[in-house]
Amino acid sequence: MSVSRRFANTAFKLLYRYGRGPRYRHNERLWPHVAVGRDGAGNLSGYAYRRQPLPLANAQVERGCAHGTGHIIASGPSINEIDYRRLRLSHVMGVNGAIALAERHPVRFDYYCFNDTGFVRARPELVRRIVSTELLLFTTPLCLWHVLQQMPAEALRCRLFLIENPQRRALLPARTMEEVRHDHADDELAVFDAGRALGFSRDIRKGVFDVGTVAYTALQIMAWLGFSQIVLHGVDLNNAAGAARFYEAPGDSLPTTLDLYLPDHILPSFTQAAALLRASGVEIVNLSPQGALACEPFRQLDWRALAPGGAAAFAPAT
């Protein structure tokens, strides 16, 4: 990003900040260059950057359009223990830096998700690989704004599906969790803990809960897409500050807040979501034997169960 654009962005942010109340603070980067469209239910339906509309897949991708087993590949170091040359995966979603796995193994990503602006700013080379791949990318209006600071819209080859936090919707005032609960009495947004803003979205068009790890966002998306078995790769979560991501070199690790959010946000959310999903016939399988989710209610499997010949062990539990 050029110095002049950085200066202009800061000026617009400060102008917006002092011209609006605190309930609009989360929109300060979007104004004035981003416009969003919404359908009759208030769901995101359009996005324009500097008056250039970008096509969205929000109206085309339907809830429950997928079935069977889906995979979420994260960036935990346990990824290095899996020989992906022996696996034949389909319906794969990558998160954050998981795209780096494609440099080592023939892994094809059908879906992708990032909602951390820090990742977009710090790893532009990985972001370019993601958005230049023919996949379905789930990201936020703000993350997309950061992507467009780095490259022209014409460079995006992926399809875009925009998601947002139900409390901080794009270009709308912030809501409290009680307001979120009141506005969605249909139970499509299950609130676990209003004080800590914990919950699970059954309808990602109405919002996706962010508890401190993109893997949880991806779980909500994969369940909404319709997968009845969701396999977690590299969702280690524990000792994140002391263990580099699988693609990071020594001394080149980005800081992380996973350890901070793990006990009070991430673990309670995953645990309650697993129970919620199990009641509706959806099973979560964990491949990280030493990770934070290596216990009930998550089904534990060795990655070799996914290889040809391991089908009996990998069959959905009854």
C-alpha atoms as a PDB file:
ATOM      1  CA  MET A   1       0.000   0.000   0.000  1.00  0.00           C
ATOM      2  CA  SER A   2       1.350   3.424  -0.939  1.00  0.00           C
ATOM      3  CA  VAL A   3       2.134   6.047   1.685  1.00  0.00           C
ATOM      4  CA  SER A   4      -0.469   8.408   0.213  1.00  0.00           C
ATOM      5  CA  ARG A   5      -3.215   5.756   0.410  1.00  0.00           C
ATOM      6  CA  ARG A   6      -2.240   4.853   3.960  1.00  0.00           C
ATOM      7  CA  PHE A   7      -2.419   8.516   4.937  1.00  0.00           C
ATOM      8  CA  ALA A   8      -5.814   8.933   3.240  1.00  0.00           C
ATOM      9  CA  ASN A   9      -7.193   5.826   4.938  1.00  0.00           C
ATOM     10  CA  THR A  10      -6.111   7.120   8.337  1.00  0.00           C
ATOM     11  CA  ALA A  11      -7.642  10.528   7.649  1.00  0.00           C
ATOM     12  CA  PHE A  12     -10.970   9.002   6.595  1.00  0.00           C
ATOM     13  CA  LYS A  13     -10.941   6.738   9.657  1.00  0.00           C
ATOM     14  CA  LEU A  14     -10.430   9.659  12.035  1.00  0.00           C
ATOM     15  CA  LEU A  15     -13.040  11.764  10.253  1.00  0.00           C
ATOM     16  CA  TYR A  16     -15.572   8.938  10.529  1.00  0.00           C
ATOM     17  CA  ARG A  17     -14.644   8.257  14.150  1.00  0.00           C
ATOM     18  CA  TYR A  18     -15.311  11.800  15.263  1.00  0.00           C
ATOM     19  CA  GLY A  19     -18.427  12.209  13.149  1.00  0.00           C
ATOM     20  CA  ARG A  20     -20.234   9.103  14.455  1.00  0.00           C
ATOM     21  CA  GLY A  21     -20.983   7.611  17.843  1.00  0.00           C
ATOM     22  CA  PRO A  22     -19.149   4.637  19.375  1.00  0.00           C
ATOM     23  CA  ARG A  23     -21.750   2.165  18.104  1.00  0.00           C
ATOM     24  CA  TYR A  24     -20.420   2.809  14.569  1.00  0.00           C
ATOM     25  CA  ARG A  25     -16.721   2.514  15.431  1.00  0.00           C
ATOM     26  CA  HIS A  26     -16.379  -0.899  13.766  1.00  0.00           C
ATOM     27  CA  ASN A  27     -17.191   0.693  10.397  1.00  0.00           C
ATOM     28  CA  GLU A  28     -14.426   3.300  10.414  1.00  0.00           C
ATOM     29  CA  ARG A  29     -12.286   1.488   7.846  1.00  0.00           C
ATOM     30  CA  LEU A  30     -15.150   0.816   5.455  1.00  0.00           C
ATOM     31  CA  TRP A  31     -16.261   4.418   5.051  1.00  0.00           C
ATOM     32  CA  PRO A  32     -16.374   6.091   2.545  1.00  0.00           C
ATOM     33  CA  HIS A  33     -15.169   3.628  -0.099  1.00  0.00           C
ATOM     34  CA  VAL A  34     -17.309   0.584   0.727  1.00  0.00           C
ATOM     35  CA  ALA A  35     -21.049   0.208   0.197  1.00  0.00           C
ATOM     36  CA  VAL A  36     -23.012  -2.904   1.076  1.00  0.00           C
ATOM     37  CA  GLY A  37     -26.417  -4.082  -0.085  1.00  0.00           C
ATOM     38  CA  ARG A  38     -28.890  -6.024   2.019  1.00  0.00           C
ATOM     39  CA  ASP A  39     -31.928  -8.094   1.124  1.00  0.00           C
ATOM     40  CA  GLY A  40     -35.366  -7.809   2.682  1.00  0.00           C
ATOM     41  CA  ALA A  41     -34.262  -9.864   5.690  1.00  0.00           C
ATOM     42  CA  GLY A  42     -31.282  -7.605   6.328  1.00  0.00           C
ATOM     43  CA  ASN A  43     -28.730 -10.143   5.073  1.00  0.00           C
ATOM     44  CA  LEU A  44     -25.697  -9.066   3.053  1.00  0.00           C
ATOM     45  CA  SER A  45     -26.414  -9.221  -0.657  1.00  0.00           C
ATOM     46  CA  GLY A  46     -24.020  -6.754  -2.303  1.00  0.00           C
ATOM     47  CA  TYR A  47     -20.602  -5.143  -1.925  1.00  0.00           C
ATOM     48  CA  ALA A  48     -18.997  -2.292  -3.816  1.00  0.00           C
ATOM     49  CA  TYR A  49     -15.488  -0.903  -3.393  1.00  0.00           C
ATOM     50  CA  ARG A  50     -14.851   2.592  -4.732  1.00  0.00           C
ATOM     51  CA  ARG A  51     -18.174   2.303  -6.568  1.00  0.00           C
ATOM     52  CA  GLN A  52     -17.083  -0.917  -8.292  1.00  0.00           C
ATOM     53  CA  PRO A  53     -19.514  -3.750  -7.477  1.00  0.00           C
ATOM     54  CA  LEU A  54     -18.003  -7.124  -6.669  1.00  0.00           C
ATOM     55  CA  PRO A  55     -20.102 -10.218  -7.373  1.00  0.00           C
ATOM     56  CA  LEU A  56     -21.105 -12.183  -4.282  1.00  0.00           C
ATOM     57  CA  ALA A  57     -22.174 -15.803  -3.970  1.00  0.00           C
ATOM     58  CA  ASN A  58     -24.413 -15.100  -0.961  1.00  0.00           C
ATOM     59  CA  ALA A  59     -27.606 -15.481  -2.961  1.00  0.00           C
ATOM     60  CA  GLN A  60     -26.416 -18.533  -4.925  1.00  0.00           C
ATOM     61  CA  VAL A  61     -25.003 -20.776  -2.190  1.00  0.00           C
ATOM     62  CA  GLU A  62     -27.871 -22.414  -0.347  1.00  0.00           C
ATOM     63  CA  ARG A  63     -28.043 -23.760   3.157  1.00  0.00           C
ATOM     64  CA  GLY A  64     -27.693 -27.550   3.190  1.00  0.00           C
ATOM     65  CA  CYS A  65     -26.265 -27.685  -0.324  1.00  0.00           C
ATOM     66  CA  ALA A  66     -23.497 -30.109   0.737  1.00  0.00           C
ATOM     67  CA  HIS A  67     -23.552 -33.507   2.435  1.00  0.00           C
ATOM     68  CA  GLY A  68     -21.286 -36.235   3.753  1.00  0.00           C
ATOM     69  CA  THR A  69     -17.838 -35.503   5.171  1.00  0.00           C
ATOM     70  CA  GLY A  70     -16.161 -32.122   5.082  1.00  0.00           C
ATOM     71  CA  HIS A  71     -12.679 -31.200   6.264  1.00  0.00           C
ATOM     72  CA  ILE A  72     -11.349 -28.076   7.997  1.00  0.00           C
ATOM     73  CA  ILE A  73      -7.571 -27.689   7.683  1.00  0.00           C
ATOM     74  CA  ALA A  74      -6.038 -25.244  10.138  1.00  0.00           C
ATOM     75  CA  SER A  75      -2.415 -24.270  10.805  1.00  0.00           C
ATOM     76  CA  GLY A  76      -1.454 -26.140  13.977  1.00  0.00           C
ATOM     77  CA  PRO A  77       1.926 -27.915  14.014  1.00  0.00           C
ATOM     78  CA  SER A  78       0.216 -31.329  14.121  1.00  0.00           C
ATOM     79  CA  ILE A  79      -0.356 -30.872  10.374  1.00  0.00           C
ATOM     80  CA  ASN A  80       3.306 -31.834   9.947  1.00  0.00           C
ATOM     81  CA  GLU A  81       2.481 -35.298  11.328  1.00  0.00           C
ATOM     82  CA  ILE A  82      -0.050 -36.039   8.559  1.00  0.00           C
ATOM     83  CA  ASP A  83       1.100 -37.512   5.250  1.00  0.00           C
ATOM     84  CA  TYR A  84      -1.369 -35.905   2.870  1.00  0.00           C
ATOM     85  CA  ARG A  85       0.123 -37.844  -0.036  1.00  0.00           C
ATOM     86  CA  ARG A  86      -1.747 -40.864   1.327  1.00  0.00           C
ATOM     87  CA  LEU A  87      -5.081 -39.100   1.593  1.00  0.00           C
ATOM     88  CA  ARG A  88      -7.726 -38.373  -1.007  1.00  0.00           C
ATOM     89  CA  LEU A  89      -9.714 -35.545   0.480  1.00  0.00           C
ATOM     90  CA  SER A  90     -12.728 -33.778  -0.932  1.00  0.00           C
ATOM     91  CA  HIS A  91     -14.877 -30.949   0.425  1.00  0.00           C
ATOM     92  CA  VAL A  92     -11.903 -29.231   2.054  1.00  0.00           C
ATOM     93  CA  MET A  93     -11.999 -25.838   3.756  1.00  0.00           C
ATOM     94  CA  GLY A  94      -8.750 -24.076   4.593  1.00  0.00           C
ATOM     95  CA  VAL A  95      -8.380 -21.316   7.155  1.00  0.00           C
ATOM     96  CA  ASN A  96      -5.756 -18.584   7.356  1.00  0.00           C
ATOM     97  CA  GLY A  97      -2.362 -19.971   6.290  1.00  0.00           C
ATOM     98  CA  ALA A  98      -3.459 -23.516   5.436  1.00  0.00           C
ATOM     99  CA  ILE A  99      -3.023 -22.670   1.738  1.00  0.00           C
ATOM    100  CA  ALA A 100       0.719 -23.232   2.310  1.00  0.00           C
ATOM    101  CA  LEU A 101      -0.009 -26.963   2.523  1.00  0.00           C
ATOM    102  CA  ALA A 102      -0.614 -26.981  -1.231  1.00  0.00           C
ATOM    103  CA  GLU A 103       3.101 -26.280  -1.731  1.00  0.00           C
ATOM    104  CA  ARG A 104       3.953 -29.676  -0.212  1.00  0.00           C
ATOM    105  CA  HIS A 105       1.026 -31.911  -1.053  1.00  0.00           C
ATOM    106  CA  PRO A 106      -1.691 -32.124  -3.726  1.00  0.00           C
ATOM    107  CA  VAL A 107      -4.424 -30.802  -1.470  1.00  0.00           C
ATOM    108  CA  ARG A 108      -7.281 -29.026  -3.239  1.00  0.00           C
ATOM    109  CA  PHE A 109      -9.223 -26.433  -1.294  1.00  0.00           C
ATOM    110  CA  ASP A 110     -12.889 -26.126  -2.231  1.00  0.00           C
ATOM    111  CA  TYR A 111     -13.677 -23.557   0.453  1.00  0.00           C
ATOM    112  CA  TYR A 112     -11.667 -21.059   2.430  1.00  0.00           C
ATOM    113  CA  CYS A 113     -12.219 -18.759   5.390  1.00  0.00           C
ATOM    114  CA  PHE A 114     -10.340 -15.921   7.026  1.00  0.00           C
ATOM    115  CA  ASN A 115     -11.799 -13.225   9.266  1.00  0.00           C
ATOM    116  CA  ASP A 116      -8.649 -11.907  10.931  1.00  0.00           C
ATOM    117  CA  THR A 117      -7.466  -8.588   9.506  1.00  0.00           C
ATOM    118  CA  GLY A 118      -4.094  -9.123  11.190  1.00  0.00           C
ATOM    119  CA  PHE A 119      -3.536 -12.235   9.068  1.00  0.00           C
ATOM    120  CA  VAL A 120      -4.494 -10.382   5.873  1.00  0.00           C
ATOM    121  CA  ARG A 121      -2.079  -7.549   6.621  1.00  0.00           C
ATOM    122  CA  ALA A 122       0.818  -9.718   7.830  1.00  0.00           C
ATOM    123  CA  ARG A 123       0.679 -12.532   5.252  1.00  0.00           C
ATOM    124  CA  PRO A 124      -0.124 -10.833   1.919  1.00  0.00           C
ATOM    125  CA  GLU A 125       1.666 -13.535  -0.080  1.00  0.00           C
ATOM    126  CA  LEU A 126      -0.600 -16.236   1.355  1.00  0.00           C
ATOM    127  CA  VAL A 127      -3.687 -14.076   0.853  1.00  0.00           C
ATOM    128  CA  ARG A 128      -2.782 -13.630  -2.809  1.00  0.00           C
ATOM    129  CA  ARG A 129      -2.582 -17.396  -3.261  1.00  0.00           C
ATOM    130  CA  ILE A 130      -5.978 -17.837  -1.639  1.00  0.00           C
ATOM    131  CA  VAL A 131      -7.876 -15.209  -3.612  1.00  0.00           C
ATOM    132  CA  SER A 132      -6.240 -16.226  -6.909  1.00  0.00           C
ATOM    133  CA  THR A 133      -7.517 -19.808  -6.502  1.00  0.00           C
ATOM    134  CA  GLU A 134     -10.874 -20.982  -7.832  1.00  0.00           C
ATOM    135  CA  LEU A 135     -12.596 -21.660  -4.522  1.00  0.00           C
ATOM    136  CA  LEU A 136     -15.420 -20.249  -2.426  1.00  0.00           C
ATOM    137  CA  LEU A 137     -14.018 -17.739   0.066  1.00  0.00           C
ATOM    138  CA  PHE A 138     -15.937 -16.833   3.209  1.00  0.00           C
ATOM    139  CA  THR A 139     -14.690 -13.565   4.650  1.00  0.00           C
ATOM    140  CA  THR A 140     -15.900 -10.328   6.199  1.00  0.00           C
ATOM    141  CA  PRO A 141     -16.501  -6.956   4.537  1.00  0.00           C
ATOM    142  CA  LEU A 142     -13.602  -5.520   6.538  1.00  0.00           C
ATOM    143  CA  CYS A 143     -11.168  -8.301   5.572  1.00  0.00           C
ATOM    144  CA  LEU A 144     -12.184  -7.850   1.949  1.00  0.00           C
ATOM    145  CA  TRP A 145     -11.423  -4.119   2.304  1.00  0.00           C
ATOM    146  CA  HIS A 146      -7.920  -5.021   3.518  1.00  0.00           C
ATOM    147  CA  VAL A 147      -7.468  -7.433   0.580  1.00  0.00           C
ATOM    148  CA  LEU A 148      -8.412  -4.663  -1.847  1.00  0.00           C
ATOM    149  CA  GLN A 149      -5.757  -2.423  -0.315  1.00  0.00           C
ATOM    150  CA  GLN A 150      -3.187  -4.946  -1.551  1.00  0.00           C
ATOM    151  CA  MET A 151      -4.449  -5.882  -4.985  1.00  0.00           C
ATOM    152  CA  PRO A 152      -7.024  -4.832  -7.610  1.00  0.00           C
ATOM    153  CA  ALA A 153     -10.436  -6.470  -7.667  1.00  0.00           C
ATOM    154  CA  GLU A 154      -9.570  -7.976 -11.066  1.00  0.00           C
ATOM    155  CA  ALA A 155      -6.964 -10.170  -9.359  1.00  0.00           C
ATOM    156  CA  LEU A 156      -9.613 -12.050  -7.386  1.00  0.00           C
ATOM    157  CA  ARG A 157     -10.432 -15.376  -9.024  1.00  0.00           C
ATOM    158  CA  CYS A 158     -12.263 -16.839  -6.040  1.00  0.00           C
ATOM    159  CA  ARG A 159     -15.987 -16.600  -5.424  1.00  0.00           C
ATOM    160  CA  LEU A 160     -16.926 -14.433  -2.476  1.00  0.00           C
ATOM    161  CA  PHE A 161     -19.407 -15.133   0.307  1.00  0.00           C
ATOM    162  CA  LEU A 162     -19.498 -12.360   2.900  1.00  0.00           C
ATOM    163  CA  ILE A 163     -20.124 -13.123   6.563  1.00  0.00           C
ATOM    164  CA  GLU A 164     -20.285 -10.803   9.562  1.00  0.00           C
ATOM    165  CA  ASN A 165     -20.412 -10.772  13.340  1.00  0.00           C
ATOM    166  CA  PRO A 166     -24.047 -10.479  14.484  1.00  0.00           C
ATOM    167  CA  GLN A 167     -23.056  -7.733  16.931  1.00  0.00           C
ATOM    168  CA  ARG A 168     -20.977  -5.687  14.489  1.00  0.00           C
ATOM    169  CA  ARG A 169     -22.643  -5.729  11.105  1.00  0.00           C
ATOM    170  CA  ALA A 170     -21.182  -3.779   8.208  1.00  0.00           C
ATOM    171  CA  LEU A 171     -22.249  -0.104   8.107  1.00  0.00           C
ATOM    172  CA  LEU A 172     -24.889  -0.676  10.807  1.00  0.00           C
ATOM    173  CA  PRO A 173     -24.708   0.290  14.493  1.00  0.00           C
ATOM    174  CA  ALA A 174     -23.339  -2.273  16.941  1.00  0.00           C
ATOM    175  CA  ARG A 175     -25.808  -4.398  18.910  1.00  0.00           C
ATOM    176  CA  THR A 176     -25.601  -5.869  22.375  1.00  0.00           C
ATOM    177  CA  MET A 177     -25.991  -9.619  22.770  1.00  0.00           C
ATOM    178  CA  GLU A 178     -29.406  -9.054  24.296  1.00  0.00           C
ATOM    179  CA  GLU A 179     -30.407  -7.141  21.160  1.00  0.00           C
ATOM    180  CA  VAL A 180     -29.057  -9.969  19.023  1.00  0.00           C
ATOM    181  CA  ARG A 181     -31.081 -12.488  21.021  1.00  0.00           C
ATOM    182  CA  HIS A 182     -34.204 -10.339  20.755  1.00  0.00           C
ATOM    183  CA  ASP A 183     -33.807  -9.757  17.012  1.00  0.00           C
ATOM    184  CA  HIS A 184     -33.358 -13.485  16.333  1.00  0.00           C
ATOM    185  CA  ALA A 185     -35.934 -15.144  18.510  1.00  0.00           C
ATOM    186  CA  ASP A 186     -36.210 -17.887  15.863  1.00  0.00           C
ATOM    187  CA  ASP A 187     -33.169 -19.549  17.504  1.00  0.00           C
ATOM    188  CA  GLU A 188     -31.092 -19.435  14.312  1.00  0.00           C
ATOM    189  CA  LEU A 189     -28.426 -17.797  16.468  1.00  0.00           C
ATOM    190  CA  ALA A 190     -27.965 -19.957  19.558  1.00  0.00           C
ATOM    191  CA  VAL A 191     -26.537 -17.850  22.394  1.00  0.00           C
ATOM    192  CA  PHE A 192     -24.450 -19.825  24.910  1.00  0.00           C
ATOM    193  CA  ASP A 193     -23.238 -16.949  27.078  1.00  0.00           C
ATOM    194  CA  ALA A 194     -24.455 -13.400  26.442  1.00  0.00           C
ATOM    195  CA  GLY A 195     -21.871 -11.843  28.763  1.00  0.00           C
ATOM    196  CA  ARG A 196     -18.955 -13.337  26.826  1.00  0.00           C
ATOM    197  CA  ALA A 197     -20.714 -13.133  23.431  1.00  0.00           C
ATOM    198  CA  LEU A 198     -20.535 -16.903  22.913  1.00  0.00           C
ATOM    199  CA  GLY A 199     -22.885 -18.707  20.591  1.00  0.00           C
ATOM    200  CA  PHE A 200     -23.347 -20.782  17.463  1.00  0.00           C
ATOM    201  CA  SER A 201     -24.940 -19.720  14.206  1.00  0.00           C
ATOM    202  CA  ARG A 202     -27.291 -22.118  12.459  1.00  0.00           C
ATOM    203  CA  ASP A 203     -27.761 -19.537   9.697  1.00  0.00           C
ATOM    204  CA  ILE A 204     -24.519 -17.813   8.717  1.00  0.00           C
ATOM    205  CA  ARG A 205     -26.436 -15.204   6.712  1.00  0.00           C
ATOM    206  CA  LYS A 206     -27.626 -13.781  10.035  1.00  0.00           C
ATOM    207  CA  GLY A 207     -24.156 -13.683  11.539  1.00  0.00           C
ATOM    208  CA  VAL A 208     -21.264 -15.875  12.635  1.00  0.00           C
ATOM    209  CA  PHE A 209     -19.905 -15.915  16.180  1.00  0.00           C
ATOM    210  CA  ASP A 210     -16.213 -15.090  16.526  1.00  0.00           C
ATOM    211  CA  VAL A 211     -14.661 -16.500  19.715  1.00  0.00           C
ATOM    212  CA  GLY A 212     -10.979 -15.970  18.962  1.00  0.00           C
ATOM    213  CA  THR A 213     -10.154 -18.639  16.371  1.00  0.00           C
ATOM    214  CA  VAL A 214     -11.137 -18.802  12.711  1.00  0.00           C
ATOM    215  CA  ALA A 215     -11.553 -22.582  13.045  1.00  0.00           C
ATOM    216  CA  TYR A 216     -14.751 -21.974  15.019  1.00  0.00           C
ATOM    217  CA  THR A 217     -16.055 -19.681  12.306  1.00  0.00           C
ATOM    218  CA  ALA A 218     -15.280 -22.393   9.756  1.00  0.00           C
ATOM    219  CA  LEU A 219     -17.157 -24.958  11.859  1.00  0.00           C
ATOM    220  CA  GLN A 220     -20.324 -22.862  11.742  1.00  0.00           C
ATOM    221  CA  ILE A 221     -19.979 -22.472   7.978  1.00  0.00           C
ATOM    222  CA  MET A 222     -19.397 -26.173   7.296  1.00  0.00           C
ATOM    223  CA  ALA A 223     -22.372 -27.146   9.445  1.00  0.00           C
ATOM    224  CA  TRP A 224     -24.549 -24.603   7.598  1.00  0.00           C
ATOM    225  CA  LEU A 225     -23.385 -25.989   4.256  1.00  0.00           C
ATOM    226  CA  GLY A 226     -24.829 -29.337   5.331  1.00  0.00           C
ATOM    227  CA  PHE A 227     -21.935 -31.650   6.182  1.00  0.00           C
ATOM    228  CA  SER A 228     -22.925 -34.388   8.636  1.00  0.00           C
ATOM    229  CA  GLN A 229     -19.323 -35.192   9.574  1.00  0.00           C
ATOM    230  CA  ILE A 230     -16.719 -32.446   9.997  1.00  0.00           C
ATOM    231  CA  VAL A 231     -13.064 -33.421  10.384  1.00  0.00           C
ATOM    232  CA  LEU A 232     -10.684 -31.016  12.113  1.00  0.00           C
ATOM    233  CA  HIS A 233      -7.053 -31.053  10.911  1.00  0.00           C
ATOM    234  CA  GLY A 234      -4.447 -29.075  12.825  1.00  0.00           C
ATOM    235  CA  VAL A 235      -6.921 -27.462  15.214  1.00  0.00           C
ATOM    236  CA  ASP A 236      -4.406 -27.854  18.041  1.00  0.00           C
ATOM    237  CA  LEU A 237      -5.249 -24.648  19.947  1.00  0.00           C
ATOM    238  CA  ASN A 238      -3.112 -25.398  23.015  1.00  0.00           C
ATOM    239  CA  ASN A 239       0.404 -23.958  23.565  1.00  0.00           C
ATOM    240  CA  ALA A 240      -0.170 -21.684  20.592  1.00  0.00           C
ATOM    241  CA  ALA A 241       2.256 -19.026  21.807  1.00  0.00           C
ATOM    242  CA  GLY A 242       5.105 -21.525  22.039  1.00  0.00           C
ATOM    243  CA  ALA A 243       4.426 -23.614  18.940  1.00  0.00           C
ATOM    244  CA  ALA A 244       4.895 -22.218  15.444  1.00  0.00           C
ATOM    245  CA  ARG A 245       2.253 -22.804  12.784  1.00  0.00           C
ATOM    246  CA  PHE A 246       3.114 -25.636  10.426  1.00  0.00           C
ATOM    247  CA  TYR A 247       4.177 -23.267   7.646  1.00  0.00           C
ATOM    248  CA  GLU A 248       6.185 -20.809   9.750  1.00  0.00           C
ATOM    249  CA  ALA A 249       9.957 -20.748   9.953  1.00  0.00           C
ATOM    250  CA  PRO A 250      11.762 -20.225  13.267  1.00  0.00           C
ATOM    251  CA  GLY A 251      11.755 -16.544  14.132  1.00  0.00           C
ATOM    252  CA  ASP A 252       8.994 -15.792  11.626  1.00  0.00           C
ATOM    253  CA  SER A 253       5.947 -16.615  13.745  1.00  0.00           C
ATOM    254  CA  LEU A 254       3.065 -14.183  13.996  1.00  0.00           C
ATOM    255  CA  PRO A 255       1.821 -13.408  17.515  1.00  0.00           C
ATOM    256  CA  THR A 256      -1.362 -15.143  18.602  1.00  0.00           C
ATOM    257  CA  THR A 257      -4.106 -14.608  21.168  1.00  0.00           C
ATOM    258  CA  LEU A 258      -5.280 -18.238  21.158  1.00  0.00           C
ATOM    259  CA  ASP A 259      -3.874 -18.975  24.611  1.00  0.00           C
ATOM    260  CA  LEU A 260      -5.663 -15.914  25.968  1.00  0.00           C
ATOM    261  CA  TYR A 261      -9.072 -16.891  24.593  1.00  0.00           C
ATOM    262  CA  LEU A 262      -8.785 -20.665  24.950  1.00  0.00           C
ATOM    263  CA  PRO A 263     -10.215 -21.325  28.460  1.00  0.00           C
ATOM    264  CA  ASP A 264     -13.120 -18.876  28.575  1.00  0.00           C
ATOM    265  CA  HIS A 265     -14.142 -18.508  24.929  1.00  0.00           C
ATOM    266  CA  ILE A 266     -12.765 -21.121  22.537  1.00  0.00           C
ATOM    267  CA  LEU A 267     -13.140 -24.337  24.571  1.00  0.00           C
ATOM    268  CA  PRO A 268     -16.631 -23.568  25.923  1.00  0.00           C
ATOM    269  CA  SER A 269     -17.811 -22.643  22.439  1.00  0.00           C
ATOM    270  CA  PHE A 270     -16.441 -25.772  20.740  1.00  0.00           C
ATOM    271  CA  THR A 271     -17.766 -28.011  23.508  1.00  0.00           C
ATOM    272  CA  GLN A 272     -21.288 -26.583  23.459  1.00  0.00           C
ATOM    273  CA  ALA A 273     -21.322 -26.475  19.664  1.00  0.00           C
ATOM    274  CA  ALA A 274     -20.345 -30.157  19.523  1.00  0.00           C
ATOM    275  CA  ALA A 275     -23.292 -31.057  21.748  1.00  0.00           C
ATOM    276  CA  LEU A 276     -25.605 -28.857  19.699  1.00  0.00           C
ATOM    277  CA  LEU A 277     -24.452 -30.426  16.438  1.00  0.00           C
ATOM    278  CA  ARG A 278     -24.563 -33.967  17.787  1.00  0.00           C
ATOM    279  CA  ALA A 279     -28.220 -33.472  18.672  1.00  0.00           C
ATOM    280  CA  SER A 280     -28.894 -32.630  15.024  1.00  0.00           C
ATOM    281  CA  GLY A 281     -26.891 -35.563  13.681  1.00  0.00           C
ATOM    282  CA  VAL A 282     -23.601 -33.792  12.946  1.00  0.00           C
ATOM    283  CA  GLU A 283     -20.350 -35.339  14.212  1.00  0.00           C
ATOM    284  CA  ILE A 284     -17.061 -33.514  14.823  1.00  0.00           C
ATOM    285  CA  VAL A 285     -13.926 -35.619  14.326  1.00  0.00           C
ATOM    286  CA  ASN A 286     -10.588 -34.430  15.743  1.00  0.00           C
ATOM    287  CA  LEU A 287      -7.240 -35.512  14.270  1.00  0.00           C
ATOM    288  CA  SER A 288      -5.014 -33.646  16.731  1.00  0.00           C
ATOM    289  CA  PRO A 289      -4.147 -36.234  19.436  1.00  0.00           C
ATOM    290  CA  GLN A 290      -2.407 -33.749  21.748  1.00  0.00           C
ATOM    291  CA  GLY A 291      -4.655 -30.773  21.022  1.00  0.00           C
ATOM    292  CA  ALA A 292      -7.108 -28.976  23.257  1.00  0.00           C
ATOM    293  CA  LEU A 293     -10.048 -30.875  21.718  1.00  0.00           C
ATOM    294  CA  ALA A 294      -8.579 -34.350  22.358  1.00  0.00           C
ATOM    295  CA  CYS A 295     -11.457 -35.397  24.585  1.00  0.00           C
ATOM    296  CA  GLU A 296     -15.209 -35.849  24.619  1.00  0.00           C
ATOM    297  CA  PRO A 297     -17.516 -34.770  23.043  1.00  0.00           C
ATOM    298  CA  PHE A 298     -15.203 -34.828  20.021  1.00  0.00           C
ATOM    299  CA  ARG A 299     -14.552 -38.114  18.277  1.00  0.00           C
ATOM    300  CA  GLN A 300     -10.812 -38.835  18.206  1.00  0.00           C
ATOM    301  CA  LEU A 301      -9.197 -40.510  15.204  1.00  0.00           C
ATOM    302  CA  ASP A 302      -5.719 -41.092  13.864  1.00  0.00           C
ATOM    303  CA  TRP A 303      -5.239 -39.452  10.466  1.00  0.00           C
ATOM    304  CA  ARG A 304      -4.446 -42.860   8.938  1.00  0.00           C
ATOM    305  CA  ALA A 305      -8.114 -43.736   9.289  1.00  0.00           C
ATOM    306  CA  LEU A 306      -8.733 -41.334   6.389  1.00  0.00           C
ATOM    307  CA  ALA A 307      -6.370 -43.210   4.072  1.00  0.00           C
ATOM    308  CA  PRO A 308      -7.598 -45.905   1.686  1.00  0.00           C
ATOM    309  CA  GLY A 309      -8.213 -49.017   3.763  1.00  0.00           C
ATOM    310  CA  GLY A 310      -9.164 -47.057   6.849  1.00  0.00           C
ATOM    311  CA  ALA A 311     -12.765 -46.565   5.791  1.00  0.00           C
ATOM    312  CA  ALA A 312     -14.159 -48.887   8.489  1.00  0.00           C
ATOM    313  CA  ALA A 313     -12.519 -46.877  11.280  1.00  0.00           C
ATOM    314  CA  PHE A 314     -13.560 -43.604   9.701  1.00  0.00           C
ATOM    315  CA  ALA A 315     -17.212 -44.498   9.220  1.00  0.00           C
ATOM    316  CA  PRO A 316     -19.552 -42.110  11.050  1.00  0.00           C
ATOM    317  CA  ALA A 317     -20.256 -43.164  14.603  1.00  0.00           C
ATOM    318  CA  THR A 318     -23.705 -44.433  15.440  1.00  0.00           C
END
